[in-house]
């Protein structure tokens, strides 16, 4: 068995010289963090596999980006179907805010089911 690793002696122990590739330093958004928590709790084998192959951060960033773009696409359609118009916003702002919050909650439930918890 060929060993291509180099080691550093630390007292009586040989510690392998392991280097990780450079990962982007862009922080994860809400949906990326939610996906990470889901993987950690419910799919630990997949989580560890992605972590060990250095594919976890790109996966989480992709999920976050996809979720945000899907949210931007869904919100206008949901708001229109709920009747949250500019006229309602001018006439009754509190009702408009309530409808928009409901639409956002619906969109997030869809995202959770389709992207985050799958």
PDB file of N, CA and C in Angstrom:
ATOM      1  N   UNK A   1       0.851  -1.184   0.000  1.00  0.00           N
ATOM      2  CA  UNK A   1       0.000   0.000   0.000  1.00  0.00           C
ATOM      3  C   UNK A   1       0.890   1.239   0.000  1.00  0.00           C
ATOM      4  N   UNK A   2       0.658   2.077  -0.983  1.00  0.00           N
ATOM      5  CA  UNK A   2       1.478   3.277  -1.123  1.00  0.00           C
ATOM      6  C   UNK A   2       0.839   4.421  -0.344  1.00  0.00           C
ATOM      7  N   UNK A   3       1.655   5.144   0.392  1.00  0.00           N
ATOM      8  CA  UNK A   3       1.187   6.239   1.210  1.00  0.00           C
ATOM      9  C   UNK A   3       1.805   7.529   0.702  1.00  0.00           C
ATOM     10  N   UNK A   4       0.974   8.436   0.168  1.00  0.00           N
ATOM     11  CA  UNK A   4       1.481   9.701  -0.373  1.00  0.00           C
ATOM     12  C   UNK A   4       1.392  10.837   0.632  1.00  0.00           C
ATOM     13  N   UNK A   5       1.063  10.537   1.872  1.00  0.00           N
ATOM     14  CA  UNK A   5       0.944  11.566   2.885  1.00  0.00           C
ATOM     15  C   UNK A   5       2.290  11.858   3.524  1.00  0.00           C
ATOM     16  N   UNK A   6       2.451  13.105   3.928  1.00  0.00           N
ATOM     17  CA  UNK A   6       3.609  13.476   4.737  1.00  0.00           C
ATOM     18  C   UNK A   6       3.113  13.699   6.157  1.00  0.00           C
ATOM     19  N   UNK A   7       4.027  13.525   7.100  1.00  0.00           N
ATOM     20  CA  UNK A   7       3.638  13.608   8.504  1.00  0.00           C
ATOM     21  C   UNK A   7       4.555  14.570   9.240  1.00  0.00           C
ATOM     22  N   UNK A   8       4.030  15.140  10.308  1.00  0.00           N
ATOM     23  CA  UNK A   8       4.804  15.988  11.205  1.00  0.00           C
ATOM     24  C   UNK A   8       4.807  15.303  12.564  1.00  0.00           C
ATOM     25  N   UNK A   9       5.996  15.192  13.138  1.00  0.00           N
ATOM     26  CA  UNK A   9       6.107  14.560  14.447  1.00  0.00           C
ATOM     27  C   UNK A   9       5.753  15.581  15.523  1.00  0.00           C
ATOM     28  N   UNK A  10       4.874  15.179  16.415  1.00  0.00           N
ATOM     29  CA  UNK A  10       4.472  16.002  17.541  1.00  0.00           C
ATOM     30  C   UNK A  10       4.604  15.133  18.779  1.00  0.00           C
ATOM     31  N   UNK A  11       5.742  15.213  19.436  1.00  0.00           N
ATOM     32  CA  UNK A  11       6.015  14.347  20.576  1.00  0.00           C
ATOM     33  C   UNK A  11       6.186  12.921  20.092  1.00  0.00           C
ATOM     34  N   UNK A  12       5.362  12.007  20.598  1.00  0.00           N
ATOM     35  CA  UNK A  12       5.413  10.609  20.186  1.00  0.00           C
ATOM     36  C   UNK A  12       4.469  10.309  19.016  1.00  0.00           C
ATOM     37  N   UNK A  13       3.766  11.299  18.527  1.00  0.00           N
ATOM     38  CA  UNK A  13       2.742  11.064  17.513  1.00  0.00           C
ATOM     39  C   UNK A  13       3.163  11.626  16.158  1.00  0.00           C
ATOM     40  N   UNK A  14       2.746  10.928  15.114  1.00  0.00           N
ATOM     41  CA  UNK A  14       2.889  11.438  13.757  1.00  0.00           C
ATOM     42  C   UNK A  14       1.520  11.942  13.305  1.00  0.00           C
ATOM     43  N   UNK A  15       1.462  13.218  12.977  1.00  0.00           N
ATOM     44  CA  UNK A  15       0.206  13.837  12.567  1.00  0.00           C
ATOM     45  C   UNK A  15       0.279  14.099  11.067  1.00  0.00           C
ATOM     46  N   UNK A  16      -0.726  13.630  10.291  1.00  0.00           N
ATOM     47  CA  UNK A  16      -0.677  13.839   8.840  1.00  0.00           C
ATOM     48  C   UNK A  16      -0.818  15.316   8.490  1.00  0.00           C
ATOM     49  N   UNK A  17      -0.088  15.728   7.462  1.00  0.00           N
ATOM     50  CA  UNK A  17      -0.174  17.101   6.962  1.00  0.00           C
ATOM     51  C   UNK A  17      -1.310  17.162   5.955  1.00  0.00           C
ATOM     52  N   UNK A  18      -2.472  17.536   6.433  1.00  0.00           N
ATOM     53  CA  UNK A  18      -3.651  17.612   5.583  1.00  0.00           C
ATOM     54  C   UNK A  18      -3.951  19.066   5.256  1.00  0.00           C
ATOM     55  N   UNK A  19      -4.277  19.339   4.004  1.00  0.00           N
ATOM     56  CA  UNK A  19      -4.623  20.686   3.576  1.00  0.00           C
ATOM     57  C   UNK A  19      -5.969  20.657   2.870  1.00  0.00           C
ATOM     58  N   UNK A  20      -6.800  21.599   3.208  1.00  0.00           N
ATOM     59  CA  UNK A  20      -8.095  21.727   2.548  1.00  0.00           C
ATOM     60  C   UNK A  20      -7.965  22.704   1.391  1.00  0.00           C
ATOM     61  N   UNK A  21      -8.775  22.498   0.366  1.00  0.00           N
ATOM     62  CA  UNK A  21      -8.767  23.452  -0.726  1.00  0.00           C
ATOM     63  C   UNK A  21      -9.453  24.731  -0.270  1.00  0.00           C
ATOM     64  N   UNK A  22      -9.149  25.811  -0.931  1.00  0.00           N
ATOM     65  CA  UNK A  22      -9.701  27.109  -0.561  1.00  0.00           C
ATOM     66  C   UNK A  22     -11.187  27.160  -0.912  1.00  0.00           C
ATOM     67  N   UNK A  23     -12.010  27.505   0.055  1.00  0.00           N
ATOM     68  CA  UNK A  23     -13.453  27.628  -0.141  1.00  0.00           C
ATOM     69  C   UNK A  23     -13.805  29.114  -0.167  1.00  0.00           C
ATOM     70  N   UNK A  24     -14.836  29.492  -0.935  1.00  0.00           N
ATOM     71  CA  UNK A  24     -15.254  30.900  -0.938  1.00  0.00           C
ATOM     72  C   UNK A  24     -15.714  31.314   0.459  1.00  0.00           C
ATOM     73  N   UNK A  25     -15.499  32.554   0.776  1.00  0.00           N
ATOM     74  CA  UNK A  25     -15.828  33.040   2.114  1.00  0.00           C
ATOM     75  C   UNK A  25     -17.176  33.744   2.171  1.00  0.00           C
ATOM     76  N   UNK A  26     -18.021  33.553   1.158  1.00  0.00           N
ATOM     77  CA  UNK A  26     -19.352  34.147   1.149  1.00  0.00           C
ATOM     78  C   UNK A  26     -20.199  33.470   2.225  1.00  0.00           C
ATOM     79  N   UNK A  27     -20.835  34.221   3.085  1.00  0.00           N
ATOM     80  CA  UNK A  27     -21.643  33.588   4.136  1.00  0.00           C
ATOM     81  C   UNK A  27     -22.897  32.931   3.556  1.00  0.00           C
ATOM     82  N   UNK A  28     -23.327  31.882   4.205  1.00  0.00           N
ATOM     83  CA  UNK A  28     -24.537  31.184   3.784  1.00  0.00           C
ATOM     84  C   UNK A  28     -25.766  31.972   4.218  1.00  0.00           C
ATOM     85  N   UNK A  29     -26.795  31.913   3.414  1.00  0.00           N
ATOM     86  CA  UNK A  29     -28.053  32.559   3.754  1.00  0.00           C
ATOM     87  C   UNK A  29     -28.934  31.650   4.600  1.00  0.00           C
ATOM     88  N   UNK A  30     -30.142  32.096   4.799  1.00  0.00           N
ATOM     89  CA  UNK A  30     -31.103  31.395   5.648  1.00  0.00           C
ATOM     90  C   UNK A  30     -31.354  29.961   5.168  1.00  0.00           C
ATOM     91  N   UNK A  31     -31.574  29.799   3.874  1.00  0.00           N
ATOM     92  CA  UNK A  31     -31.947  28.485   3.359  1.00  0.00           C
ATOM     93  C   UNK A  31     -30.752  27.532   3.321  1.00  0.00           C
ATOM     94  N   UNK A  32     -29.559  28.044   3.100  1.00  0.00           N
ATOM     95  CA  UNK A  32     -28.369  27.201   3.171  1.00  0.00           C
ATOM     96  C   UNK A  32     -28.140  26.678   4.579  1.00  0.00           C
ATOM     97  N   UNK A  33     -28.346  27.550   5.557  1.00  0.00           N
ATOM     98  CA  UNK A  33     -28.191  27.125   6.960  1.00  0.00           C
ATOM     99  C   UNK A  33     -29.275  26.127   7.357  1.00  0.00           C
ATOM    100  N   UNK A  34     -30.485  26.323   6.837  1.00  0.00           N
ATOM    101  CA  UNK A  34     -31.565  25.370   7.132  1.00  0.00           C
ATOM    102  C   UNK A  34     -31.258  24.004   6.532  1.00  0.00           C
ATOM    103  N   UNK A  35     -30.716  23.992   5.317  1.00  0.00           N
ATOM    104  CA  UNK A  35     -30.355  22.722   4.670  1.00  0.00           C
ATOM    105  C   UNK A  35     -29.250  22.024   5.457  1.00  0.00           C
ATOM    106  N   UNK A  36     -28.279  22.805   5.932  1.00  0.00           N
ATOM    107  CA  UNK A  36     -27.185  22.224   6.714  1.00  0.00           C
ATOM    108  C   UNK A  36     -27.722  21.579   7.988  1.00  0.00           C
ATOM    109  N   UNK A  37     -28.621  22.264   8.678  1.00  0.00           N
ATOM    110  CA  UNK A  37     -29.207  21.715   9.905  1.00  0.00           C
ATOM    111  C   UNK A  37     -29.994  20.443   9.604  1.00  0.00           C
ATOM    112  N   UNK A  38     -30.729  20.441   8.487  1.00  0.00           N
ATOM    113  CA  UNK A  38     -31.493  19.254   8.113  1.00  0.00           C
ATOM    114  C   UNK A  38     -30.563  18.079   7.838  1.00  0.00           C
ATOM    115  N   UNK A  39     -29.521  18.321   7.052  1.00  0.00           N
ATOM    116  CA  UNK A  39     -28.585  17.242   6.729  1.00  0.00           C
ATOM    117  C   UNK A  39     -27.903  16.706   7.982  1.00  0.00           C
ATOM    118  N   UNK A  40     -27.508  17.606   8.852  1.00  0.00           N
ATOM    119  CA  UNK A  40     -26.809  17.213  10.076  1.00  0.00           C
ATOM    120  C   UNK A  40     -27.695  16.341  10.964  1.00  0.00           C
ATOM    121  N   UNK A  41     -28.963  16.708  11.072  1.00  0.00           N
ATOM    122  CA  UNK A  41     -29.856  15.997  11.981  1.00  0.00           C
ATOM    123  C   UNK A  41     -30.477  14.742  11.366  1.00  0.00           C
ATOM    124  N   UNK A  42     -30.906  14.834  10.103  1.00  0.00           N
ATOM    125  CA  UNK A  42     -31.681  13.742   9.518  1.00  0.00           C
ATOM    126  C   UNK A  42     -30.914  12.888   8.510  1.00  0.00           C
ATOM    127  N   UNK A  43     -29.838  13.403   7.938  1.00  0.00           N
ATOM    128  CA  UNK A  43     -29.060  12.655   6.938  1.00  0.00           C
ATOM    129  C   UNK A  43     -27.568  12.745   7.267  1.00  0.00           C
ATOM    130  N   UNK A  44     -27.160  12.236   8.433  1.00  0.00           N
ATOM    131  CA  UNK A  44     -25.771  12.422   8.870  1.00  0.00           C
ATOM    132  C   UNK A  44     -24.744  11.763   7.947  1.00  0.00           C
ATOM    133  N   UNK A  45     -25.091  10.658   7.308  1.00  0.00           N
ATOM    134  CA  UNK A  45     -24.128  10.004   6.419  1.00  0.00           C
ATOM    135  C   UNK A  45     -23.859  10.880   5.206  1.00  0.00           C
ATOM    136  N   UNK A  46     -24.919  11.410   4.602  1.00  0.00           N
ATOM    137  CA  UNK A  46     -24.756  12.311   3.461  1.00  0.00           C
ATOM    138  C   UNK A  46     -24.015  13.571   3.876  1.00  0.00           C
ATOM    139  N   UNK A  47     -24.348  14.105   5.053  1.00  0.00           N
ATOM    140  CA  UNK A  47     -23.669  15.296   5.562  1.00  0.00           C
ATOM    141  C   UNK A  47     -22.167  15.052   5.690  1.00  0.00           C
ATOM    142  N   UNK A  48     -21.793  13.935   6.310  1.00  0.00           N
ATOM    143  CA  UNK A  48     -20.372  13.633   6.486  1.00  0.00           C
ATOM    144  C   UNK A  48     -19.677  13.367   5.158  1.00  0.00           C
ATOM    145  N   UNK A  49     -20.369  12.725   4.239  1.00  0.00           N
ATOM    146  CA  UNK A  49     -19.789  12.465   2.928  1.00  0.00           C
ATOM    147  C   UNK A  49     -19.512  13.779   2.189  1.00  0.00           C
ATOM    148  N   UNK A  50     -20.486  14.695   2.202  1.00  0.00           N
ATOM    149  CA  UNK A  50     -20.286  15.997   1.568  1.00  0.00           C
ATOM    150  C   UNK A  50     -19.183  16.782   2.265  1.00  0.00           C
ATOM    151  N   UNK A  51     -19.130  16.691   3.578  1.00  0.00           N
ATOM    152  CA  UNK A  51     -18.115  17.405   4.347  1.00  0.00           C
ATOM    153  C   UNK A  51     -16.718  16.884   4.039  1.00  0.00           C
ATOM    154  N   UNK A  52     -16.565  15.573   3.998  1.00  0.00           N
ATOM    155  CA  UNK A  52     -15.244  14.977   3.763  1.00  0.00           C
ATOM    156  C   UNK A  52     -14.741  15.181   2.337  1.00  0.00           C
ATOM    157  N   UNK A  53     -15.650  15.285   1.388  1.00  0.00           N
ATOM    158  CA  UNK A  53     -15.234  15.488  -0.009  1.00  0.00           C
ATOM    159  C   UNK A  53     -15.200  16.966  -0.376  1.00  0.00           C
ATOM    160  N   UNK A  54     -15.384  17.842   0.593  1.00  0.00           N
ATOM    161  CA  UNK A  54     -15.365  19.288   0.422  1.00  0.00           C
ATOM    162  C   UNK A  54     -16.430  19.780  -0.548  1.00  0.00           C
ATOM    163  N   UNK A  55     -17.551  19.081  -0.590  1.00  0.00           N
ATOM    164  CA  UNK A  55     -18.651  19.482  -1.451  1.00  0.00           C
ATOM    165  C   UNK A  55     -19.816  20.069  -0.649  1.00  0.00           C
ATOM    166  N   UNK A  56     -19.672  20.139   0.658  1.00  0.00           N
ATOM    167  CA  UNK A  56     -20.774  20.620   1.490  1.00  0.00           C
ATOM    168  C   UNK A  56     -21.071  22.090   1.229  1.00  0.00           C
ATOM    169  N   UNK A  57     -20.059  22.949   1.291  1.00  0.00           N
ATOM    170  CA  UNK A  57     -20.303  24.381   1.115  1.00  0.00           C
ATOM    171  C   UNK A  57     -20.864  24.689  -0.270  1.00  0.00           C
ATOM    172  N   UNK A  58     -20.301  24.132  -1.368  1.00  0.00           N
ATOM    173  CA  UNK A  58     -20.914  24.410  -2.672  1.00  0.00           C
ATOM    174  C   UNK A  58     -22.367  23.928  -2.753  1.00  0.00           C
ATOM    175  N   UNK A  59     -22.668  22.800  -2.131  1.00  0.00           N
ATOM    176  CA  UNK A  59     -24.046  22.280  -2.115  1.00  0.00           C
ATOM    177  C   UNK A  59     -24.964  23.245  -1.369  1.00  0.00           C
ATOM    178  N   UNK A  60     -24.536  23.708  -0.198  1.00  0.00           N
ATOM    179  CA  UNK A  60     -25.359  24.616   0.595  1.00  0.00           C
ATOM    180  C   UNK A  60     -25.541  25.955  -0.101  1.00  0.00           C
ATOM    181  N   UNK A  61     -24.488  26.446  -0.743  1.00  0.00           N
ATOM    182  CA  UNK A  61     -24.586  27.714  -1.468  1.00  0.00           C
ATOM    183  C   UNK A  61     -25.550  27.589  -2.643  1.00  0.00           C
ATOM    184  N   UNK A  62     -25.512  26.464  -3.332  1.00  0.00           N
ATOM    185  CA  UNK A  62     -26.422  26.241  -4.456  1.00  0.00           C
ATOM    186  C   UNK A  62     -27.872  26.164  -3.983  1.00  0.00           C
ATOM    187  N   UNK A  63     -28.118  25.463  -2.881  1.00  0.00           N
ATOM    188  CA  UNK A  63     -29.466  25.372  -2.318  1.00  0.00           C
ATOM    189  C   UNK A  63     -29.968  26.762  -1.927  1.00  0.00           C
ATOM    190  N   UNK A  64     -29.117  27.548  -1.287  1.00  0.00           N
ATOM    191  CA  UNK A  64     -29.494  28.889  -0.853  1.00  0.00           C
ATOM    192  C   UNK A  64     -29.841  29.770  -2.050  1.00  0.00           C
ATOM    193  N   UNK A  65     -29.009  29.728  -3.069  1.00  0.00           N
ATOM    194  CA  UNK A  65     -29.237  30.538  -4.268  1.00  0.00           C
ATOM    195  C   UNK A  65     -30.521  30.106  -4.983  1.00  0.00           C
ATOM    196  N   UNK A  66     -30.718  28.801  -5.114  1.00  0.00           N
ATOM    197  CA  UNK A  66     -31.913  28.285  -5.775  1.00  0.00           C
ATOM    198  C   UNK A  66     -33.171  28.660  -4.992  1.00  0.00           C
ATOM    199  N   UNK A  67     -33.124  28.520  -3.682  1.00  0.00           N
ATOM    200  CA  UNK A  67     -34.287  28.841  -2.846  1.00  0.00           C
ATOM    201  C   UNK A  67     -34.642  30.322  -2.949  1.00  0.00           C
ATOM    202  N   UNK A  68     -33.644  31.182  -2.933  1.00  0.00           N
ATOM    203  CA  UNK A  68     -33.915  32.616  -3.041  1.00  0.00           C
ATOM    204  C   UNK A  68     -34.503  32.983  -4.395  1.00  0.00           C
ATOM    205  N   UNK A  69     -33.997  32.377  -5.460  1.00  0.00           N
ATOM    206  CA  UNK A  69     -34.552  32.690  -6.780  1.00  0.00           C
ATOM    207  C   UNK A  69     -35.971  32.151  -6.916  1.00  0.00           C
ATOM    208  N   UNK A  70     -36.232  30.963  -6.373  1.00  0.00           N
ATOM    209  CA  UNK A  70     -37.595  30.407  -6.410  1.00  0.00           C
ATOM    210  C   UNK A  70     -38.547  31.281  -5.595  1.00  0.00           C
ATOM    211  N   UNK A  71     -38.089  31.804  -4.467  1.00  0.00           N
ATOM    212  CA  UNK A  71     -38.926  32.673  -3.640  1.00  0.00           C
ATOM    213  C   UNK A  71     -39.289  33.934  -4.411  1.00  0.00           C
ATOM    214  N   UNK A  72     -38.318  34.515  -5.114  1.00  0.00           N
ATOM    215  CA  UNK A  72     -38.588  35.718  -5.915  1.00  0.00           C
ATOM    216  C   UNK A  72     -39.581  35.435  -7.040  1.00  0.00           C
ATOM    217  N   UNK A  73     -39.551  34.224  -7.585  1.00  0.00           N
ATOM    218  CA  UNK A  73     -40.491  33.864  -8.646  1.00  0.00           C
ATOM    219  C   UNK A  73     -41.894  33.619  -8.089  1.00  0.00           C
ATOM    220  N   UNK A  74     -41.979  32.988  -6.940  1.00  0.00           N
ATOM    221  CA  UNK A  74     -43.281  32.596  -6.388  1.00  0.00           C
ATOM    222  C   UNK A  74     -44.049  33.757  -5.764  1.00  0.00           C
ATOM    223  N   UNK A  75     -43.362  34.678  -5.124  1.00  0.00           N
ATOM    224  CA  UNK A  75     -44.038  35.725  -4.359  1.00  0.00           C
ATOM    225  C   UNK A  75     -45.006  36.558  -5.195  1.00  0.00           C
ATOM    226  N   UNK A  76     -44.636  37.045  -6.384  1.00  0.00           N
ATOM    227  CA  UNK A  76     -45.622  37.837  -7.138  1.00  0.00           C
ATOM    228  C   UNK A  76     -46.870  37.040  -7.523  1.00  0.00           C
ATOM    229  N   UNK A  77     -46.683  35.763  -7.887  1.00  0.00           N
ATOM    230  CA  UNK A  77     -47.849  34.941  -8.253  1.00  0.00           C
ATOM    231  C   UNK A  77     -48.741  34.675  -7.042  1.00  0.00           C
ATOM    232  N   UNK A  78     -48.132  34.370  -5.914  1.00  0.00           N
ATOM    233  CA  UNK A  78     -48.927  34.125  -4.704  1.00  0.00           C
ATOM    234  C   UNK A  78     -49.641  35.392  -4.240  1.00  0.00           C
ATOM    235  N   UNK A  79     -48.952  36.530  -4.321  1.00  0.00           N
ATOM    236  CA  UNK A  79     -49.564  37.797  -3.914  1.00  0.00           C
ATOM    237  C   UNK A  79     -50.737  38.141  -4.818  1.00  0.00           C
ATOM    238  N   UNK A  80     -50.584  37.897  -6.109  1.00  0.00           N
ATOM    239  CA  UNK A  80     -51.667  38.171  -7.046  1.00  0.00           C
ATOM    240  C   UNK A  80     -52.875  37.280  -6.769  1.00  0.00           C
ATOM    241  N   UNK A  81     -52.607  36.004  -6.516  1.00  0.00           N
ATOM    242  CA  UNK A  81     -53.726  35.085  -6.256  1.00  0.00           C
ATOM    243  C   UNK A  81     -54.403  35.370  -4.917  1.00  0.00           C
ATOM    244  N   UNK A  82     -53.666  35.961  -3.978  1.00  0.00           N
ATOM    245  CA  UNK A  82     -54.254  36.290  -2.672  1.00  0.00           C
ATOM    246  C   UNK A  82     -54.969  37.633  -2.693  1.00  0.00           C
ATOM    247  N   UNK A  83     -54.746  38.422  -3.750  1.00  0.00           N
ATOM    248  CA  UNK A  83     -55.400  39.721  -3.842  1.00  0.00           C
ATOM    249  C   UNK A  83     -54.639  40.845  -3.179  1.00  0.00           C
ATOM    250  N   UNK A  84     -53.341  40.673  -2.985  1.00  0.00           N
ATOM    251  CA  UNK A  84     -52.512  41.715  -2.376  1.00  0.00           C
ATOM    252  C   UNK A  84     -52.033  42.660  -3.481  1.00  0.00           C
ATOM    253  N   UNK A  85     -52.873  43.638  -3.808  1.00  0.00           N
ATOM    254  CA  UNK A  85     -52.576  44.580  -4.893  1.00  0.00           C
ATOM    255  C   UNK A  85     -52.062  45.899  -4.332  1.00  0.00           C
ATOM    256  N   UNK A  86     -51.590  46.747  -5.225  1.00  0.00           N
ATOM    257  CA  UNK A  86     -51.131  48.084  -4.822  1.00  0.00           C
ATOM    258  C   UNK A  86     -52.310  48.921  -4.319  1.00  0.00           C
ATOM    259  N   UNK A  87     -53.473  48.687  -4.885  1.00  0.00           N
ATOM    260  CA  UNK A  87     -54.679  49.400  -4.431  1.00  0.00           C
ATOM    261  C   UNK A  87     -54.990  49.047  -2.976  1.00  0.00           C
ATOM    262  N   UNK A  88     -54.910  47.759  -2.656  1.00  0.00           N
ATOM    263  CA  UNK A  88     -55.145  47.314  -1.273  1.00  0.00           C
ATOM    264  C   UNK A  88     -54.068  47.874  -0.347  1.00  0.00           C
ATOM    265  N   UNK A  89     -52.847  47.938  -0.843  1.00  0.00           N
ATOM    266  CA  UNK A  89     -51.742  48.478  -0.041  1.00  0.00           C
ATOM    267  C   UNK A  89     -52.018  49.931   0.335  1.00  0.00           C
ATOM    268  N   UNK A  90     -52.556  50.714  -0.597  1.00  0.00           N
ATOM    269  CA  UNK A  90     -52.864  52.119  -0.320  1.00  0.00           C
ATOM    270  C   UNK A  90     -54.102  52.261   0.565  1.00  0.00           C
ATOM    271  N   UNK A  91     -55.085  51.386   0.352  1.00  0.00           N
ATOM    272  CA  UNK A  91     -56.353  51.483   1.078  1.00  0.00           C
ATOM    273  C   UNK A  91     -56.268  50.905   2.491  1.00  0.00           C
ATOM    274  N   UNK A  92     -55.685  49.713   2.623  1.00  0.00           N
ATOM    275  CA  UNK A  92     -55.640  49.030   3.926  1.00  0.00           C
ATOM    276  C   UNK A  92     -54.273  48.360   4.098  1.00  0.00           C
ATOM    277  N   UNK A  93     -53.276  49.123   4.535  1.00  0.00           N
ATOM    278  CA  UNK A  93     -51.913  48.577   4.633  1.00  0.00           C
ATOM    279  C   UNK A  93     -51.784  47.370   5.556  1.00  0.00           C
ATOM    280  N   UNK A  94     -52.547  47.337   6.631  1.00  0.00           N
ATOM    281  CA  UNK A  94     -52.441  46.225   7.575  1.00  0.00           C
ATOM    282  C   UNK A  94     -52.926  44.921   6.946  1.00  0.00           C
ATOM    283  N   UNK A  95     -53.997  44.968   6.198  1.00  0.00           N
ATOM    284  CA  UNK A  95     -54.490  43.776   5.527  1.00  0.00           C
ATOM    285  C   UNK A  95     -53.496  43.322   4.457  1.00  0.00           C
ATOM    286  N   UNK A  96     -52.921  44.291   3.744  1.00  0.00           N
ATOM    287  CA  UNK A  96     -51.928  43.976   2.721  1.00  0.00           C
ATOM    288  C   UNK A  96     -50.721  43.269   3.339  1.00  0.00           C
ATOM    289  N   UNK A  97     -50.231  43.779   4.467  1.00  0.00           N
ATOM    290  CA  UNK A  97     -49.094  43.155   5.155  1.00  0.00           C
ATOM    291  C   UNK A  97     -49.450  41.745   5.603  1.00  0.00           C
ATOM    292  N   UNK A  98     -50.654  41.568   6.110  1.00  0.00           N
ATOM    293  CA  UNK A  98     -51.089  40.239   6.525  1.00  0.00           C
ATOM    294  C   UNK A  98     -51.121  39.261   5.361  1.00  0.00           C
ATOM    295  N   UNK A  99     -51.638  39.706   4.217  1.00  0.00           N
ATOM    296  CA  UNK A  99     -51.669  38.849   3.029  1.00  0.00           C
ATOM    297  C   UNK A  99     -50.263  38.518   2.541  1.00  0.00           C
ATOM    298  N   UNK A 100     -49.386  39.512   2.564  1.00  0.00           N
ATOM    299  CA  UNK A 100     -48.006  39.275   2.107  1.00  0.00           C
ATOM    300  C   UNK A 100     -47.281  38.307   3.040  1.00  0.00           C
ATOM    301  N   UNK A 101     -47.517  38.428   4.336  1.00  0.00           N
ATOM    302  CA  UNK A 101     -46.909  37.488   5.287  1.00  0.00           C
ATOM    303  C   UNK A 101     -47.423  36.072   5.061  1.00  0.00           C
ATOM    304  N   UNK A 102     -48.706  35.947   4.763  1.00  0.00           N
ATOM    305  CA  UNK A 102     -49.275  34.637   4.460  1.00  0.00           C
ATOM    306  C   UNK A 102     -48.653  34.053   3.199  1.00  0.00           C
ATOM    307  N   UNK A 103     -48.487  34.889   2.189  1.00  0.00           N
ATOM    308  CA  UNK A 103     -47.869  34.434   0.932  1.00  0.00           C
ATOM    309  C   UNK A 103     -46.437  33.975   1.158  1.00  0.00           C
ATOM    310  N   UNK A 104     -45.694  34.732   1.963  1.00  0.00           N
ATOM    311  CA  UNK A 104     -44.305  34.351   2.234  1.00  0.00           C
ATOM    312  C   UNK A 104     -44.252  33.031   3.003  1.00  0.00           C
ATOM    313  N   UNK A 105     -45.154  32.841   3.955  1.00  0.00           N
ATOM    314  CA  UNK A 105     -45.195  31.584   4.708  1.00  0.00           C
ATOM    315  C   UNK A 105     -45.525  30.410   3.789  1.00  0.00           C
ATOM    316  N   UNK A 106     -46.448  30.611   2.845  1.00  0.00           N
ATOM    317  CA  UNK A 106     -46.780  29.562   1.887  1.00  0.00           C
ATOM    318  C   UNK A 106     -45.575  29.224   1.014  1.00  0.00           C
ATOM    319  N   UNK A 107     -44.899  30.249   0.524  1.00  0.00           N
ATOM    320  CA  UNK A 107     -43.733  30.034  -0.335  1.00  0.00           C
ATOM    321  C   UNK A 107     -42.632  29.302   0.419  1.00  0.00           C
ATOM    322  N   UNK A 108     -42.419  29.681   1.679  1.00  0.00           N
ATOM    323  CA  UNK A 108     -41.373  29.021   2.458  1.00  0.00           C
ATOM    324  C   UNK A 108     -41.723  27.560   2.750  1.00  0.00           C
ATOM    325  N   UNK A 109     -42.988  27.254   2.949  1.00  0.00           N
ATOM    326  CA  UNK A 109     -43.398  25.859   3.144  1.00  0.00           C
ATOM    327  C   UNK A 109     -43.112  25.035   1.894  1.00  0.00           C
ATOM    328  N   UNK A 110     -43.370  25.614   0.734  1.00  0.00           N
ATOM    329  CA  UNK A 110     -43.082  24.929  -0.525  1.00  0.00           C
ATOM    330  C   UNK A 110     -41.578  24.698  -0.658  1.00  0.00           C
ATOM    331  N   UNK A 111     -40.783  25.722  -0.346  1.00  0.00           N
ATOM    332  CA  UNK A 111     -39.321  25.591  -0.425  1.00  0.00           C
ATOM    333  C   UNK A 111     -38.805  24.530   0.541  1.00  0.00           C
ATOM    334  N   UNK A 112     -39.361  24.498   1.738  1.00  0.00           N
ATOM    335  CA  UNK A 112     -38.938  23.497   2.716  1.00  0.00           C
ATOM    336  C   UNK A 112     -39.205  22.095   2.199  1.00  0.00           C
ATOM    337  N   UNK A 113     -40.377  21.905   1.621  1.00  0.00           N
ATOM    338  CA  UNK A 113     -40.740  20.573   1.138  1.00  0.00           C
ATOM    339  C   UNK A 113     -39.925  20.160  -0.085  1.00  0.00           C
ATOM    340  N   UNK A 114     -39.682  21.099  -0.998  1.00  0.00           N
ATOM    341  CA  UNK A 114     -39.042  20.748  -2.270  1.00  0.00           C
ATOM    342  C   UNK A 114     -37.519  20.792  -2.226  1.00  0.00           C
ATOM    343  N   UNK A 115     -36.936  21.742  -1.497  1.00  0.00           N
ATOM    344  CA  UNK A 115     -35.485  21.917  -1.552  1.00  0.00           C
ATOM    345  C   UNK A 115     -34.759  21.562  -0.258  1.00  0.00           C
ATOM    346  N   UNK A 116     -35.259  22.050   0.829  1.00  0.00           N
ATOM    347  CA  UNK A 116     -34.525  21.956   2.083  1.00  0.00           C
ATOM    348  C   UNK A 116     -34.609  20.536   2.671  1.00  0.00           C
ATOM    349  N   UNK A 117     -35.817  20.017   2.812  1.00  0.00           N
ATOM    350  CA  UNK A 117     -36.017  18.739   3.494  1.00  0.00           C
ATOM    351  C   UNK A 117     -36.203  17.586   2.513  1.00  0.00           C
ATOM    352  N   UNK A 118     -35.398  17.546   1.497  1.00  0.00           N
ATOM    353  CA  UNK A 118     -35.524  16.436   0.539  1.00  0.00           C
ATOM    354  C   UNK A 118     -34.184  15.758   0.323  1.00  0.00           C
TER     355      UNK A 118
END
